Amino acid sequence: MSEPSPQGAERDLFRDTWVRYLGHRGSSSCGAGWGWNQPAGVPPGGAVAASPGLNGPSRPGYANEVGEAFRSMVPAAVVWLSYGVSSSYVLADAIDKGKKAGEVPSPEAGRSTRVTVAVVDTFVWQALASVAIPGFTINRVCAASLYVLGTATRWPLAARKWTTTALGLLVIPVIIHPIDRSVDFLLDSSLRKLYPSVEKPSSS
């Protein structure tokens, strides 16, 4: 269940609405404490709760997981198309966060840095947490499932494929939050240490 938005917070098209969940998705802290999603009255760099839309399953960034779940039943081109949808979402969200970072009142000298950090952090986080890691995970789960069903049962191929697809779809909401938290930890321990201290996001 998602948490209510902080009073006065602007709804994020890519995080707080159905747009994010056309394909599926969970919770990210990228952008928290940066200023481009700050509630009114909170200065740039102040702590801000993660967007509630990050806490549910379903956004275009997850279209590729759905594509992977159906890989055994559809042409490969359909799966690659789902990756195109997810990648477009990632790019759009990065651009959106950069635009919001640029709109935050701040000295002109630091504006370009704030925008760059916002775009880079959002793009890397989304690419890992919404596309690469979950896509690989669902791919391996479905491949293993199809193999096990093929060796342990005498089910018809169609039944094995449908079971594999159903399992892949059921796993998606289970892996969301663990992957999100893992990517937060990974970026906090690596990339985010390279940002200027004034621009460092908070994953808390």
Protein backbone atom coordinates (compact mmCIF):
# COMPACT_ATOMS: atom_id res chain seq x y z
CA MET A 1 0.00 0.00 0.00
CA SER A 2 1.42 3.35 -0.96
CA GLU A 3 1.80 6.12 1.56
CA PRO A 4 -0.01 9.44 1.17
CA SER A 5 1.91 12.23 -0.51
CA PRO A 6 3.37 14.88 1.78
CA GLN A 7 0.96 17.77 2.03
CA GLY A 8 1.69 20.29 -0.69
CA ALA A 9 3.88 17.91 -2.69
CA GLU A 10 3.49 18.03 -6.44
CA ARG A 11 2.31 14.76 -7.98
CA ASP A 12 5.02 13.19 -10.09
CA LEU A 13 3.70 12.03 -13.46
CA PHE A 14 6.33 9.30 -13.69
CA ARG A 15 6.15 8.11 -10.09
CA ASP A 16 2.74 8.89 -8.59
CA THR A 17 0.30 8.08 -11.39
CA TRP A 18 -0.84 5.21 -13.61
CA VAL A 19 1.84 6.18 -16.13
CA ARG A 20 4.49 4.49 -14.05
CA TYR A 21 2.45 1.35 -13.68
CA LEU A 22 1.44 0.59 -17.23
CA GLY A 23 4.18 -1.95 -17.18
CA HIS A 24 4.90 -2.21 -13.46
CA ARG A 25 7.20 -0.73 -10.83
CA GLY A 26 8.12 -0.23 -7.23
CA SER A 27 9.81 2.32 -5.02
CA SER A 28 12.81 4.47 -5.64
CA SER A 29 14.37 7.09 -3.48
CA CYS A 30 16.22 8.72 -6.34
CA GLY A 31 15.40 12.37 -6.13
CA ALA A 32 14.57 12.31 -2.44
CA GLY A 33 16.20 15.28 -0.81
CA TRP A 34 17.30 16.84 -4.09
CA GLY A 35 14.80 19.60 -4.45
CA TRP A 36 13.04 18.79 -7.73
CA ASN A 37 10.16 17.09 -5.92
CA GLN A 38 10.24 19.19 -2.79
CA PRO A 39 7.02 20.19 -1.02
CA ALA A 40 6.40 23.91 -0.79
CA GLY A 41 8.50 25.49 1.91
CA VAL A 42 11.15 22.76 2.01
CA PRO A 43 14.52 24.09 0.87
CA PRO A 44 16.51 22.28 -1.85
CA GLY A 45 18.49 19.49 -0.24
CA GLY A 46 15.99 19.08 2.60
CA ALA A 47 14.68 15.63 3.38
CA VAL A 48 11.56 14.59 1.53
CA ALA A 49 9.67 11.33 1.61
CA ALA A 50 9.96 8.99 -1.35
CA SER A 51 7.13 9.37 -3.82
CA PRO A 52 4.20 7.11 -2.96
CA GLY A 53 3.96 6.00 -6.58
CA LEU A 54 7.30 4.28 -6.06
CA ASN A 55 5.68 1.82 -3.71
CA GLY A 56 3.40 -0.05 -6.06
CA PRO A 57 3.71 -2.40 -9.01
CA SER A 58 3.04 -1.06 -12.51
CA ARG A 59 4.67 1.46 -14.82
CA PRO A 60 6.04 1.45 -18.34
CA GLY A 61 9.47 0.89 -16.84
CA TYR A 62 8.27 -2.63 -16.11
CA ALA A 63 6.89 -3.44 -19.51
CA ASN A 64 10.01 -5.48 -20.17
CA GLU A 65 9.31 -7.77 -17.20
CA VAL A 66 5.90 -8.51 -18.67
CA GLY A 67 7.59 -9.09 -22.03
CA GLU A 68 10.04 -11.50 -20.42
CA ALA A 69 7.19 -13.38 -18.73
CA PHE A 70 5.59 -13.91 -22.15
CA ARG A 71 8.87 -14.66 -23.96
CA SER A 72 8.04 -18.35 -24.48
CA MET A 73 4.71 -17.45 -26.08
CA VAL A 74 5.37 -14.45 -28.31
CA PRO A 75 7.87 -13.54 -31.05
CA ALA A 76 11.19 -12.17 -29.83
CA ALA A 77 10.34 -8.86 -31.51
CA VAL A 78 7.49 -8.37 -29.03
CA VAL A 79 9.86 -8.85 -26.09
CA TRP A 80 12.32 -6.35 -27.55
CA LEU A 81 9.45 -3.92 -28.10
CA SER A 82 8.65 -4.15 -24.39
CA TYR A 83 12.25 -3.17 -23.67
CA GLY A 84 11.78 -0.20 -25.98
CA VAL A 85 8.76 0.91 -23.98
CA SER A 86 10.67 0.55 -20.70
CA SER A 87 13.71 2.40 -22.03
CA SER A 88 11.52 5.25 -23.27
CA TYR A 89 10.02 5.53 -19.79
CA VAL A 90 13.48 5.66 -18.21
CA LEU A 91 14.60 8.41 -20.57
CA ALA A 92 11.39 10.41 -20.09
CA ASP A 93 11.68 10.21 -16.30
CA ALA A 94 15.32 11.33 -16.40
CA ILE A 95 14.42 14.31 -18.57
CA ASP A 96 11.47 15.15 -16.30
CA LYS A 97 13.66 15.10 -13.18
CA GLY A 98 16.29 17.25 -14.90
CA LYS A 99 13.64 19.78 -15.83
CA LYS A 100 12.32 19.89 -12.26
CA ALA A 101 15.83 20.25 -10.88
CA GLY A 102 16.38 23.23 -13.18
CA GLU A 103 13.22 24.89 -11.90
CA VAL A 104 14.38 24.83 -8.28
CA PRO A 105 15.46 28.33 -7.13
CA SER A 106 19.23 28.22 -6.72
CA PRO A 107 22.36 30.15 -7.69
CA GLU A 108 22.84 30.07 -11.44
CA ALA A 109 26.34 28.64 -11.01
CA GLY A 110 24.99 25.46 -9.41
CA ARG A 111 21.96 25.01 -11.63
CA SER A 112 23.70 23.03 -14.38
CA THR A 113 25.29 20.74 -11.81
CA ARG A 114 21.94 20.11 -10.12
CA VAL A 115 20.31 19.30 -13.46
CA THR A 116 23.14 16.99 -14.52
CA VAL A 117 23.11 15.09 -11.24
CA ALA A 118 19.32 14.75 -11.37
CA VAL A 119 19.36 13.36 -14.91
CA VAL A 120 22.28 10.99 -14.33
CA ASP A 121 21.04 9.64 -11.00
CA THR A 122 17.49 9.11 -12.26
CA PHE A 123 18.62 7.49 -15.51
CA VAL A 124 21.07 5.10 -13.84
CA TRP A 125 18.64 4.19 -11.05
CA GLN A 126 15.76 3.56 -13.41
CA ALA A 127 17.88 1.67 -15.94
CA LEU A 128 19.03 -0.72 -13.22
CA ALA A 129 15.94 -0.96 -10.99
CA SER A 130 13.23 -0.79 -13.65
CA VAL A 131 14.79 -2.47 -16.67
CA ALA A 132 18.06 -4.39 -16.44
CA ILE A 133 17.90 -6.22 -13.10
CA PRO A 134 14.18 -7.10 -13.02
CA GLY A 135 14.23 -8.05 -16.71
CA PHE A 136 17.15 -10.43 -16.16
CA THR A 137 15.51 -11.83 -13.03
CA ILE A 138 12.21 -12.63 -14.73
CA ASN A 139 14.06 -14.07 -17.73
CA ARG A 140 15.97 -16.51 -15.50
CA VAL A 141 12.92 -17.41 -13.39
CA CYS A 142 10.91 -18.24 -16.50
CA ALA A 143 13.76 -20.15 -18.14
CA ALA A 144 14.27 -22.24 -15.01
CA SER A 145 10.55 -22.83 -14.64
CA LEU A 146 10.15 -24.00 -18.22
CA TYR A 147 13.14 -26.32 -17.84
CA VAL A 148 11.91 -27.84 -14.59
CA LEU A 149 8.40 -28.36 -15.92
CA GLY A 150 9.85 -29.97 -19.04
CA THR A 151 11.90 -32.47 -17.05
CA ALA A 152 9.62 -33.09 -14.06
CA THR A 153 6.20 -33.25 -15.71
CA ARG A 154 4.50 -34.64 -18.78
CA TRP A 155 2.36 -31.58 -19.29
CA PRO A 156 1.70 -30.45 -22.85
CA LEU A 157 4.09 -27.73 -24.07
CA ALA A 158 1.29 -25.15 -24.13
CA ALA A 159 0.46 -25.86 -20.47
CA ARG A 160 4.11 -25.56 -19.49
CA LYS A 161 4.43 -22.24 -21.31
CA TRP A 162 1.29 -20.79 -19.75
CA THR A 163 2.42 -21.92 -16.29
CA THR A 164 5.82 -20.33 -16.85
CA THR A 165 4.22 -17.08 -17.97
CA ALA A 166 1.87 -17.03 -14.98
CA LEU A 167 4.79 -17.65 -12.61
CA GLY A 168 6.79 -14.86 -14.23
CA LEU A 169 3.93 -12.41 -13.80
CA LEU A 170 3.41 -13.44 -10.17
CA VAL A 171 7.08 -12.93 -9.35
CA ILE A 172 7.14 -9.33 -10.63
CA PRO A 173 5.52 -7.66 -7.58
CA VAL A 174 7.65 -9.80 -5.25
CA ILE A 175 10.99 -8.62 -6.63
CA ILE A 176 10.17 -4.90 -6.89
CA HIS A 177 11.10 -3.65 -3.43
CA PRO A 178 14.17 -5.85 -2.88
CA ILE A 179 15.61 -4.68 -6.21
CA ASP A 180 14.78 -1.03 -5.50
CA ARG A 181 16.48 -1.18 -2.11
CA SER A 182 19.48 -3.00 -3.55
CA VAL A 183 19.94 -0.39 -6.27
CA ASP A 184 19.64 2.39 -3.69
CA PHE A 185 22.38 0.71 -1.65
CA LEU A 186 24.53 0.20 -4.74
CA LEU A 187 24.28 3.82 -5.85
CA ASP A 188 24.70 5.17 -2.31
CA SER A 189 27.89 3.13 -2.08
CA SER A 190 29.29 4.14 -5.45
CA LEU A 191 27.98 6.72 -7.91
CA ARG A 192 26.37 9.02 -5.36
CA LYS A 193 29.65 9.38 -3.50
CA LEU A 194 31.00 11.19 -6.57
CA TYR A 195 28.33 13.91 -6.59
CA PRO A 196 29.10 17.36 -5.14
CA SER A 197 28.03 17.22 -1.49
CA VAL A 198 25.31 19.82 -2.01
CA GLU A 199 23.75 17.63 -4.70
CA LYS A 200 23.91 14.24 -3.01
CA PRO A 201 20.49 12.59 -2.82
CA SER A 202 19.23 10.82 0.26
CA SER A 203 17.92 7.30 0.01
CA SER A 204 16.35 7.47 3.45
